[in-house]
Amino acid sequence: MYDGTNFRGWQTQTSGRSVQGELISALRDLGITHPNVTGSGRTDAGVHSIANYAHFDYNGRMTTQQLLLALNSKLDSDIMITGIWQVKDSFNARYSATSRTYIYLLARERTPLNRLYTGYIPGKEIVMEDLYAMSEVLKGNHNFTSLSKNNPAITNHICNVSSFTIKEMKGKIVFKITADRFLHHMVRRMVGTMVNLSQKGLGVEAMKQILEEQNARQKLVLTAPAQGLYLYNVHYPDLTIEDYPYNNFLTN
């Protein structure tokens, strides 16, 4: 779990703090000379995580509980390791995952107290019925070129969105999205574009057209702010995490 406010993102950077870099530094402090930490996915600057996962090799004598306590003692307060499990040698935090779930928190009103942990998109009133209808359009297998950041290195833009729910909660709109894979900025663009279309009095047909055109430079496509995005969970077929203490942190 981490608060992404003061990080340049998950991945180690040439300058600035990264979550991966902090974990590597903590492992070095414990005497692991060449730690290699592989995350389940990358989060951008300002993006938070409730349950990201990573794997690394460890041949020391500490138990998983001892290692958990030791690592947390080396980390700053904006990162917390909530569990360590011994896995098979074949396990890979990134490639063994079958799906991922993100949550986006959109504030109805911007205040100084929510600016770091919710997104806010100014404009006309958001019509919830529009959002519900557009979420149905985005479910299933689609080419998400229009709703992702242009990256020539990525040739496959097909993603399967298996679940997409939206609800209002304490002055926020909560978007919860599960898919087999996500493209760069995909969740933020999905949310931002849905809100933009609703505020402009557009809806399902406009969203269908955006998808069909497969154009990453659509004028109606809007990228929601990073602060509202949380990597909520990563799902593995051979790893069952029972009683995860924070899995309802954002949805209750």
Protein backbone atom coordinates (compact mmCIF):
# COMPACT_ATOMS: atom_id res chain seq x y z
CA MET A 1 0.00 0.00 0.00
CA TYR A 2 1.35 3.46 -0.79
CA ASP A 3 0.40 7.10 -1.03
CA GLY A 4 1.62 8.16 -4.45
CA THR A 5 1.63 11.90 -3.73
CA ASN A 6 5.39 12.28 -3.34
CA PHE A 7 6.49 9.59 -5.78
CA ARG A 8 7.43 9.86 -9.43
CA GLY A 9 5.58 6.57 -9.84
CA TRP A 10 6.26 2.90 -9.20
CA GLN A 11 9.24 2.45 -11.49
CA THR A 12 12.76 3.47 -10.50
CA GLN A 13 13.66 6.86 -11.98
CA THR A 14 16.94 8.61 -12.68
CA SER A 15 15.82 11.32 -10.26
CA GLY A 16 13.09 11.58 -7.65
CA ARG A 17 11.51 8.96 -5.40
CA SER A 18 9.90 5.80 -6.74
CA VAL A 19 8.13 2.99 -4.89
CA GLN A 20 10.31 0.35 -6.52
CA GLY A 21 13.43 2.32 -5.62
CA GLU A 22 12.40 2.61 -1.97
CA LEU A 23 11.79 -1.16 -1.75
CA ILE A 24 15.17 -1.91 -3.31
CA SER A 25 16.86 0.45 -0.85
CA ALA A 26 15.11 -1.23 2.10
CA LEU A 27 16.22 -4.68 0.95
CA ARG A 28 19.79 -3.45 0.60
CA ASP A 29 19.64 -2.14 4.17
CA LEU A 30 18.79 -5.70 5.22
CA GLY A 31 21.96 -7.00 3.58
CA ILE A 32 20.61 -8.17 0.21
CA THR A 33 23.34 -6.93 -2.13
CA HIS A 34 21.60 -7.06 -5.52
CA PRO A 35 17.82 -7.04 -4.93
CA ASN A 36 15.62 -7.32 -7.99
CA VAL A 37 12.06 -6.20 -7.26
CA THR A 38 9.45 -6.88 -9.96
CA GLY A 39 6.07 -5.22 -9.55
CA SER A 40 2.69 -6.34 -10.82
CA GLY A 41 2.40 -3.12 -12.79
CA ARG A 42 3.51 0.48 -12.96
CA THR A 43 1.63 3.38 -11.48
CA ASP A 44 2.25 6.96 -12.56
CA ALA A 45 3.27 9.94 -10.46
CA GLY A 46 0.54 10.85 -7.98
CA VAL A 47 -1.30 7.53 -8.34
CA HIS A 48 -1.95 5.54 -5.17
CA SER A 49 -2.17 1.82 -4.43
CA ILE A 50 -4.16 -0.24 -1.98
CA ALA A 51 -2.82 -3.61 -3.16
CA ASN A 52 0.08 -3.65 -5.56
CA TYR A 53 2.24 -6.79 -5.51
CA ALA A 54 5.91 -7.43 -6.16
CA HIS A 55 8.24 -10.40 -6.03
CA PHE A 56 11.91 -10.72 -5.11
CA ASP A 57 14.34 -13.53 -4.28
CA TYR A 58 15.29 -14.03 -0.64
CA ASN A 59 17.57 -16.71 0.79
CA GLY A 60 17.98 -15.32 4.30
CA ARG A 61 16.92 -16.79 7.63
CA MET A 62 14.06 -14.48 8.58
CA THR A 63 10.51 -15.76 8.49
CA THR A 64 8.02 -13.95 6.29
CA GLN A 65 6.63 -12.15 9.36
CA GLN A 66 10.10 -11.10 10.51
CA LEU A 67 10.93 -9.90 7.00
CA LEU A 68 7.68 -7.93 6.88
CA LEU A 69 8.48 -6.12 10.12
CA ALA A 70 12.10 -5.51 9.12
CA LEU A 71 11.22 -4.02 5.74
CA ASN A 72 8.50 -1.78 7.13
CA SER A 73 10.97 -0.43 9.69
CA LYS A 74 13.17 0.73 6.79
CA LEU A 75 10.39 2.40 4.78
CA ASP A 76 8.99 5.91 5.11
CA SER A 77 5.43 6.33 6.32
CA ASP A 78 3.95 6.72 2.80
CA ILE A 79 4.69 3.05 2.01
CA MET A 80 3.49 0.04 3.99
CA ILE A 81 3.99 -3.63 3.19
CA THR A 82 0.85 -5.41 4.37
CA GLY A 83 1.85 -9.03 3.70
CA ILE A 84 4.68 -11.28 2.50
CA TRP A 85 4.08 -14.76 1.15
CA GLN A 86 6.41 -17.49 -0.07
CA VAL A 87 5.54 -18.39 -3.66
CA LYS A 88 6.66 -20.86 -6.31
CA ASP A 89 9.82 -20.13 -8.28
CA SER A 90 7.67 -19.84 -11.39
CA PHE A 91 5.56 -17.02 -9.92
CA ASN A 92 5.95 -13.60 -11.54
CA ALA A 93 4.15 -10.63 -10.00
CA ARG A 94 3.55 -9.10 -13.42
CA TYR A 95 3.03 -11.98 -15.82
CA SER A 96 1.22 -14.40 -13.49
CA ALA A 97 -1.61 -11.90 -12.94
CA THR A 98 -4.88 -12.71 -14.69
CA SER A 99 -6.59 -9.38 -14.06
CA ARG A 100 -6.26 -6.11 -12.20
CA THR A 101 -8.76 -3.82 -10.52
CA TYR A 102 -8.53 -0.05 -10.32
CA ILE A 103 -10.70 2.39 -8.43
CA TYR A 104 -11.10 6.03 -9.34
CA LEU A 105 -12.50 8.51 -6.81
CA LEU A 106 -14.05 11.59 -8.38
CA ALA A 107 -14.96 14.42 -6.02
CA ARG A 108 -18.21 16.28 -6.54
CA GLU A 109 -16.52 19.35 -5.05
CA ARG A 110 -12.85 20.26 -4.84
CA THR A 111 -11.57 21.19 -1.38
CA PRO A 112 -8.07 21.64 0.11
CA LEU A 113 -8.61 18.43 2.07
CA ASN A 114 -9.42 16.12 -0.86
CA ARG A 115 -7.09 17.49 -3.53
CA LEU A 116 -4.41 14.81 -3.09
CA TYR A 117 -6.67 11.75 -2.93
CA THR A 118 -9.55 12.40 -5.32
CA GLY A 119 -9.84 13.69 -8.84
CA TYR A 120 -11.98 16.65 -9.76
CA ILE A 121 -13.21 17.71 -13.21
CA PRO A 122 -14.85 21.16 -13.32
CA GLY A 123 -17.84 21.75 -15.56
CA LYS A 124 -21.56 21.22 -15.67
CA GLU A 125 -23.43 18.70 -13.55
CA ILE A 126 -22.55 15.04 -14.10
CA VAL A 127 -25.57 12.87 -14.90
CA MET A 128 -25.17 9.48 -13.21
CA GLU A 129 -27.46 7.75 -15.72
CA ASP A 130 -25.04 8.80 -18.49
CA LEU A 131 -22.13 7.22 -16.62
CA TYR A 132 -24.02 3.97 -16.03
CA ALA A 133 -24.92 3.69 -19.72
CA MET A 134 -21.39 4.43 -20.92
CA SER A 135 -19.88 1.91 -18.50
CA GLU A 136 -21.97 -0.77 -20.18
CA VAL A 137 -20.53 0.25 -23.56
CA LEU A 138 -16.98 -0.11 -22.21
CA LYS A 139 -17.46 -3.63 -20.83
CA GLY A 140 -16.16 -6.58 -22.83
CA ASN A 141 -13.44 -6.87 -25.47
CA HIS A 142 -12.61 -3.58 -27.16
CA ASN A 143 -9.78 -1.80 -28.90
CA PHE A 144 -8.93 0.95 -26.40
CA THR A 145 -6.57 2.95 -28.63
CA SER A 146 -8.74 6.05 -28.23
CA LEU A 147 -8.76 5.76 -24.45
CA SER A 148 -5.04 5.26 -23.86
CA LYS A 149 -1.92 7.35 -24.17
CA ASN A 150 -0.28 7.00 -27.58
CA ASN A 151 2.73 4.66 -27.37
CA PRO A 152 4.25 3.35 -30.63
CA ALA A 153 5.87 0.48 -28.71
CA ILE A 154 2.44 -0.95 -27.83
CA THR A 155 0.85 -2.76 -30.79
CA ASN A 156 -1.96 -4.61 -28.99
CA HIS A 157 -4.73 -2.34 -27.72
CA ILE A 158 -7.36 -5.03 -27.07
CA CYS A 159 -8.45 -5.29 -23.44
CA ASN A 160 -11.26 -7.23 -21.83
CA VAL A 161 -13.12 -5.20 -19.21
CA SER A 162 -14.89 -7.86 -17.16
CA SER A 163 -16.45 -5.58 -14.56
CA PHE A 164 -17.28 -1.87 -14.38
CA THR A 165 -19.33 -0.49 -11.51
CA ILE A 166 -20.13 3.08 -10.49
CA LYS A 167 -21.69 4.35 -7.29
CA GLU A 168 -21.94 7.54 -5.25
CA MET A 169 -20.40 7.61 -1.81
CA LYS A 170 -20.00 10.53 0.61
CA GLY A 171 -19.66 13.28 -1.97
CA LYS A 172 -17.65 11.16 -4.39
CA ILE A 173 -18.34 9.09 -7.48
CA VAL A 174 -16.55 5.74 -7.23
CA PHE A 175 -15.55 3.98 -10.46
CA LYS A 176 -14.38 0.37 -10.02
CA ILE A 177 -12.94 -1.33 -13.11
CA THR A 178 -11.51 -4.83 -13.59
CA ALA A 179 -9.79 -5.95 -16.80
CA ASP A 180 -7.29 -8.53 -18.00
CA ARG A 181 -4.87 -5.70 -18.85
CA PHE A 182 -4.77 -1.93 -18.84
CA LEU A 183 -3.03 0.44 -21.22
CA HIS A 184 -1.17 3.59 -20.18
CA HIS A 185 -3.63 6.21 -18.83
CA MET A 186 -6.55 3.94 -19.79
CA VAL A 187 -8.52 4.22 -16.54
CA ARG A 188 -7.96 7.96 -16.25
CA ARG A 189 -9.05 8.46 -19.86
CA MET A 190 -12.11 6.26 -19.45
CA VAL A 191 -13.24 8.23 -16.42
CA GLY A 192 -12.33 11.64 -17.80
CA THR A 193 -14.03 11.02 -21.12
CA MET A 194 -17.21 9.65 -19.55
CA VAL A 195 -17.48 12.74 -17.35
CA ASN A 196 -16.65 15.08 -20.24
CA LEU A 197 -19.33 13.55 -22.45
CA SER A 198 -21.93 13.74 -19.69
CA GLN A 199 -21.11 17.38 -18.94
CA LYS A 200 -21.44 18.22 -22.65
CA GLY A 201 -24.82 16.51 -22.93
CA LEU A 202 -23.41 13.65 -24.99
CA GLY A 203 -23.58 9.98 -24.10
CA VAL A 204 -23.52 6.41 -25.33
CA GLU A 205 -23.37 7.11 -29.07
CA ALA A 206 -20.46 9.51 -28.64
CA MET A 207 -18.58 6.94 -26.58
CA LYS A 208 -19.21 4.26 -29.19
CA GLN A 209 -17.85 6.55 -31.89
CA ILE A 210 -14.74 7.35 -29.86
CA LEU A 211 -13.99 3.63 -29.48
CA GLU A 212 -14.64 2.88 -33.14
CA GLU A 213 -12.35 5.63 -34.44
CA GLN A 214 -9.33 4.20 -32.55
CA ASN A 215 -7.69 7.62 -32.39
CA ALA A 216 -5.62 8.51 -29.32
CA ARG A 217 -5.98 12.23 -30.12
CA GLN A 218 -9.74 12.49 -29.91
CA LYS A 219 -10.90 16.00 -29.00
CA LEU A 220 -13.54 14.65 -26.62
CA VAL A 221 -11.10 12.40 -24.77
CA LEU A 222 -10.13 13.82 -21.39
CA THR A 223 -7.56 12.41 -18.96
CA ALA A 224 -8.75 12.56 -15.34
CA PRO A 225 -6.22 13.75 -12.72
CA ALA A 226 -3.79 11.17 -11.32
CA GLN A 227 -4.70 11.86 -7.68
CA GLY A 228 -8.03 10.04 -7.91
CA LEU A 229 -6.60 6.75 -9.18
CA TYR A 230 -5.86 3.72 -6.97
CA LEU A 231 -4.54 0.32 -7.96
CA TYR A 232 -7.04 -1.62 -5.87
CA ASN A 233 -6.09 -5.27 -6.38
CA VAL A 234 -4.24 -7.73 -8.60
CA HIS A 235 -5.67 -11.20 -9.16
CA TYR A 236 -3.63 -14.41 -9.42
CA PRO A 237 -4.94 -17.93 -10.12
CA ASP A 238 -2.50 -19.69 -7.79
CA LEU A 239 -2.29 -17.17 -4.97
CA THR A 240 -5.25 -16.71 -2.64
CA ILE A 241 -4.89 -13.83 -0.20
CA GLU A 242 -7.50 -14.35 2.51
CA ASP A 243 -8.71 -11.66 4.90
CA TYR A 244 -6.79 -8.88 3.18
CA PRO A 245 -7.33 -6.05 5.67
CA TYR A 246 -7.72 -3.17 3.21
CA ASN A 247 -9.77 -4.66 0.38
CA ASN A 248 -12.83 -2.58 1.31
CA PHE A 249 -10.91 0.56 2.21
CA LEU A 250 -12.30 2.68 -0.64
CA THR A 251 -15.68 1.11 -1.27
CA ASN A 252 -17.41 1.23 2.12
